[in-house]
Structures are given as C-alpha cells and as structure tokens.
Protein backbone atom coordinates (compact mmCIF):
# COMPACT_ATOMS: atom_id res chain seq x y z
CA MET A 1 6.75 -11.74 9.72
CA LEU A 2 3.97 -12.65 12.13
CA LYS A 3 6.46 -14.59 14.26
CA LYS A 4 8.76 -11.55 14.42
CA ALA A 5 5.82 -9.26 15.23
CA ALA A 6 4.70 -11.58 18.05
CA GLN A 7 8.24 -11.62 19.48
CA LYS A 8 8.41 -7.81 19.40
CA ALA A 9 4.98 -7.47 21.00
CA GLU A 10 5.95 -9.87 23.77
CA ALA A 11 9.25 -8.04 24.37
CA ALA A 12 7.31 -4.75 24.62
CA GLY A 13 4.79 -6.30 27.02
CA VAL A 14 1.91 -5.73 24.60
CA LYS A 15 -0.86 -8.27 24.09
CA VAL A 16 -1.77 -8.49 20.40
CA GLU A 17 -3.81 -11.08 18.56
CA PHE A 18 -2.17 -11.61 15.16
CA LYS A 19 -4.16 -13.23 12.36
CA GLN A 20 -2.99 -14.35 8.95
CA GLN A 21 -5.64 -13.50 6.35
CA ASP A 22 -5.95 -13.06 2.60
CA ALA A 23 -6.56 -9.31 2.28
CA ARG A 24 -8.87 -9.98 -0.68
CA GLU A 25 -11.19 -12.15 1.43
CA LEU A 26 -11.40 -10.57 4.87
CA PRO A 27 -14.10 -12.20 7.04
CA PHE A 28 -14.80 -9.14 9.22
CA ARG A 29 -18.18 -7.34 9.14
CA GLU A 30 -18.58 -3.97 10.86
CA GLU A 31 -16.15 -4.92 13.64
CA PHE A 32 -13.62 -2.08 13.69
CA ASP A 33 -13.53 1.69 14.16
CA LEU A 34 -10.26 1.97 12.23
CA ALA A 35 -8.46 0.06 9.49
CA ILE A 36 -4.84 0.91 8.68
CA MET A 37 -2.90 -0.39 5.68
CA ILE A 38 0.52 1.25 5.45
CA CYS A 39 3.47 0.51 3.16
CA GLU A 40 1.27 -1.14 0.56
CA GLY A 41 0.21 -3.81 3.03
CA ALA A 42 -1.47 -5.56 0.12
CA PHE A 43 -3.01 -2.82 -1.99
CA PRO A 44 -1.79 -2.14 -4.77
CA LEU A 45 0.43 -5.21 -5.03
CA MET A 46 -2.10 -7.64 -6.51
CA GLU A 47 -1.88 -8.91 -10.06
CA THR A 48 -5.18 -7.37 -11.14
CA SER A 49 -7.10 -4.18 -10.38
CA GLY A 50 -10.07 -6.38 -9.40
CA MET A 51 -7.98 -8.00 -6.67
CA ASN A 52 -6.93 -4.55 -5.44
CA PHE A 53 -10.59 -3.48 -5.37
CA ALA A 54 -11.44 -6.56 -3.29
CA ILE A 55 -8.96 -5.35 -0.67
CA LEU A 56 -10.65 -1.94 -0.49
CA LYS A 57 -14.04 -3.65 -0.25
CA GLY A 58 -12.82 -5.87 2.58
CA ALA A 59 -11.67 -2.81 4.53
CA TYR A 60 -15.04 -1.13 3.95
CA ASN A 61 -16.94 -4.21 5.15
CA ALA A 62 -14.74 -4.53 8.26
CA LEU A 63 -15.46 -0.96 9.41
CA LYS A 64 -18.32 0.16 11.62
CA LYS A 65 -20.42 3.16 10.58
CA ASP A 66 -18.25 6.31 10.72
CA GLY A 67 -15.13 4.11 10.83
CA LYS A 68 -11.94 5.42 9.23
CA PHE A 69 -9.68 3.77 6.70
CA ILE A 70 -6.11 5.04 6.47
CA PHE A 71 -3.80 3.69 3.80
CA ASN A 72 -1.14 4.67 1.35
CA SER A 73 -0.75 3.84 -2.31
CA LEU A 74 1.73 4.26 -5.10
CA LYS A 75 0.87 7.48 -6.94
CA GLY A 76 0.41 7.23 -10.70
CA VAL A 77 1.44 10.83 -11.34
CA TYR A 78 5.00 10.18 -10.11
CA PRO A 79 6.10 7.97 -13.04
CA ARG A 80 4.93 10.59 -15.52
CA PHE A 81 7.42 13.12 -14.09
CA HIS A 82 10.26 10.94 -12.74
CA SER A 83 12.22 7.76 -13.39
CA VAL A 84 10.81 4.97 -11.23
CA LYS A 85 13.96 2.88 -11.69
CA ASP A 86 16.25 5.71 -10.51
CA PHE A 87 13.98 6.32 -7.52
CA LEU A 88 13.87 2.65 -6.54
CA ASN A 89 17.64 2.23 -6.87
CA LYS A 90 18.11 5.25 -4.59
CA GLU A 91 15.46 4.29 -1.99
CA THR A 92 15.72 0.49 -1.65
CA SER A 93 18.29 -0.47 0.95
CA GLY A 94 20.14 -3.66 0.15
CA ALA A 95 18.34 -4.26 -3.15
CA THR A 96 19.15 -3.45 -6.74
CA VAL A 97 16.59 -2.93 -9.49
CA ALA A 98 17.80 -5.29 -12.22
CA GLU A 99 14.88 -4.55 -14.56
CA ASN A 100 12.09 -1.98 -14.60
CA ASN A 101 9.25 -1.34 -17.03
CA PHE A 102 6.43 1.08 -16.31
CA ASP A 103 3.38 0.61 -18.56
CA LEU A 104 1.56 3.92 -19.11
CA MET A 105 -1.54 2.13 -20.45
CA THR A 106 -2.12 0.07 -17.32
CA PHE A 107 -0.18 2.12 -14.73
CA ARG A 108 1.59 -1.07 -13.71
CA ASP A 109 5.28 -1.22 -12.90
CA TYR A 110 6.98 -4.52 -13.65
CA SER A 111 10.36 -4.80 -11.96
CA VAL A 112 12.92 -7.33 -10.86
CA PHE A 113 14.81 -6.77 -7.59
CA GLU A 114 17.98 -8.57 -6.59
CA THR A 115 18.60 -8.70 -2.85
CA THR A 116 19.50 -11.02 0.02
CA ASP A 117 17.22 -12.45 2.70
CA ASP A 118 17.84 -12.28 6.46
CA SER A 119 20.12 -15.33 6.23
CA GLY A 120 22.27 -13.80 3.48
CA ASN A 121 20.85 -15.91 0.63
CA ALA A 122 20.53 -14.23 -2.76
CA MET A 123 16.96 -13.57 -3.86
CA THR A 124 15.34 -12.37 -7.05
CA LEU A 125 11.93 -10.76 -6.63
CA HIS A 126 9.59 -10.25 -9.60
CA CYS A 127 7.22 -7.39 -8.77
CA ASN A 128 4.02 -6.17 -10.40
CA GLU A 129 2.69 -3.02 -8.75
CA ARG A 130 -0.31 -0.87 -9.71
CA TYR A 131 -0.04 2.90 -9.41
CA TYR A 132 -3.23 4.92 -8.89
CA VAL A 133 -4.08 8.56 -9.50
CA PRO A 134 -5.94 10.48 -6.76
CA SER A 135 -9.18 10.82 -8.75
CA GLU A 136 -9.22 7.07 -9.34
CA ILE A 137 -8.75 6.32 -5.63
CA SER A 138 -11.58 8.74 -4.80
CA TRP A 139 -13.89 7.06 -7.32
CA LEU A 140 -13.06 3.55 -6.08
CA LEU A 141 -13.68 4.48 -2.45
CA LYS A 142 -16.87 6.42 -3.14
CA SER A 143 -18.23 3.54 -5.24
CA LEU A 144 -17.92 1.35 -2.13
CA GLY A 145 -19.79 3.85 0.03
CA PHE A 146 -16.95 5.81 1.62
CA GLN A 147 -17.31 9.57 1.89
CA GLN A 148 -15.01 11.78 -0.21
CA PRO A 149 -11.50 10.85 0.98
CA ASP A 150 -8.72 13.22 1.96
CA ILE A 151 -5.55 12.58 -0.02
CA PHE A 152 -2.11 13.86 0.96
CA GLY A 153 1.43 13.56 -0.30
CA ALA A 154 3.54 10.82 1.25
CA THR A 155 7.23 10.18 1.62
CA LEU A 156 8.43 6.62 2.14
CA GLY A 157 8.01 5.89 5.83
CA ALA A 158 6.80 9.41 6.69
CA PHE A 159 3.07 10.08 6.48
CA SER A 160 1.45 13.36 7.49
CA ARG A 161 -1.71 15.34 6.79
CA GLU A 162 0.60 18.35 6.52
CA ASP A 163 2.04 17.16 3.19
CA LYS A 164 0.16 18.55 0.22
CA LEU A 165 0.01 16.25 -2.78
CA SER A 166 2.58 17.06 -5.47
CA THR A 167 4.25 15.45 -8.48
CA ASP A 168 7.32 14.79 -6.32
CA ASP A 169 5.45 12.37 -4.05
CA TYR A 170 6.06 8.71 -4.85
CA GLU A 171 3.09 7.72 -2.69
CA MET A 172 -0.11 9.23 -1.39
CA LEU A 173 -1.73 8.98 2.01
CA VAL A 174 -5.48 8.37 1.89
CA ILE A 175 -7.93 8.90 4.75
CA ALA A 176 -11.52 7.81 4.11
CA GLU A 177 -14.56 7.63 6.37
CA LYS A 178 -17.41 5.15 6.05
C-alpha cells in the first residue's frame, strides 16, 4: 500500500514522506498539530482492547498541545439495531461475508470474508473488529488527557460534522483536542 501511495504522490507531484510503523508503538512525541486515522486505519482492528487503547495513546503522544485527533470507529449501537452481516454483504464490493458472529458481551465482530486480491487470487480474510459506543470513546480519550470529544454519525467513506449520531450509522466520526 505504501508503494502505491508513493506512486500516486509522485504522479500528483506531491512530496510525501511515508513511514511504516506499528500503530501501537508510535515513536512520535508532540510533533504534530493534527493526527488523522480514517477507515479504521488500525483502531479498532486489534485483537484486544488494550492494543486499541495503545493506538489512541500513541496519537495523543504524537500531538502538540491543542493538537486535534480526527478518526472514525465502528459504532457499537449499530449491531443492536441492525444485522451486521446483511450490512457487510451490501457494502463490501467484491467480497462476500462467509461467516459473521457479533458478540454482545465483548462488542467484537468475528467474520470471514471471501474475496480476490489485485491479481485475481482467491483470499479468505478472518476479521476480529471491536465496536465502541460513544460514551466509551469519550471515556477512553478523556482518560488520556483529551478534552471532551465531538462525536458525529458517519457513513462509509463520507464523514461530516453535519451528520448527527443515530442508530442507523455504522460508524462514528470522532474529533478530539489535546
């Protein structure tokens, strides 16, 4: 993905320094005014909630005072009102949900996707994703030192502060300030 991103940046005439890092162990300390993590860049895709928390902590540490952190997350209220499997089968282009099991005790969705890679080879992806509720996200961020975050509804690939949070939103957009 970094190779493709570098090719696109070069084609657009943009100079970008790409770095491959483990999101749970970011080395940055008060270096940035803004951190953006869209499309579940890493959070909440880790195997444990502790690993997800480490990602949030890394973003906090990387920001300067008054820096902003913008990210989206899977919203735990959605599975209570809708079928995650039906949603995923409708929204995932080129992939089929072969199995899906949402655990209400842990708010983790365990699913198996069948798809093809860029070369046309069949792939089976075993996914383990953690859904969060807005109050939980607020608590996690505030425990790190962020101010009270703003949380909005989010549609896949379309994020706006104009979208009020509702049970129909599969994701939520979070904006927090250090």
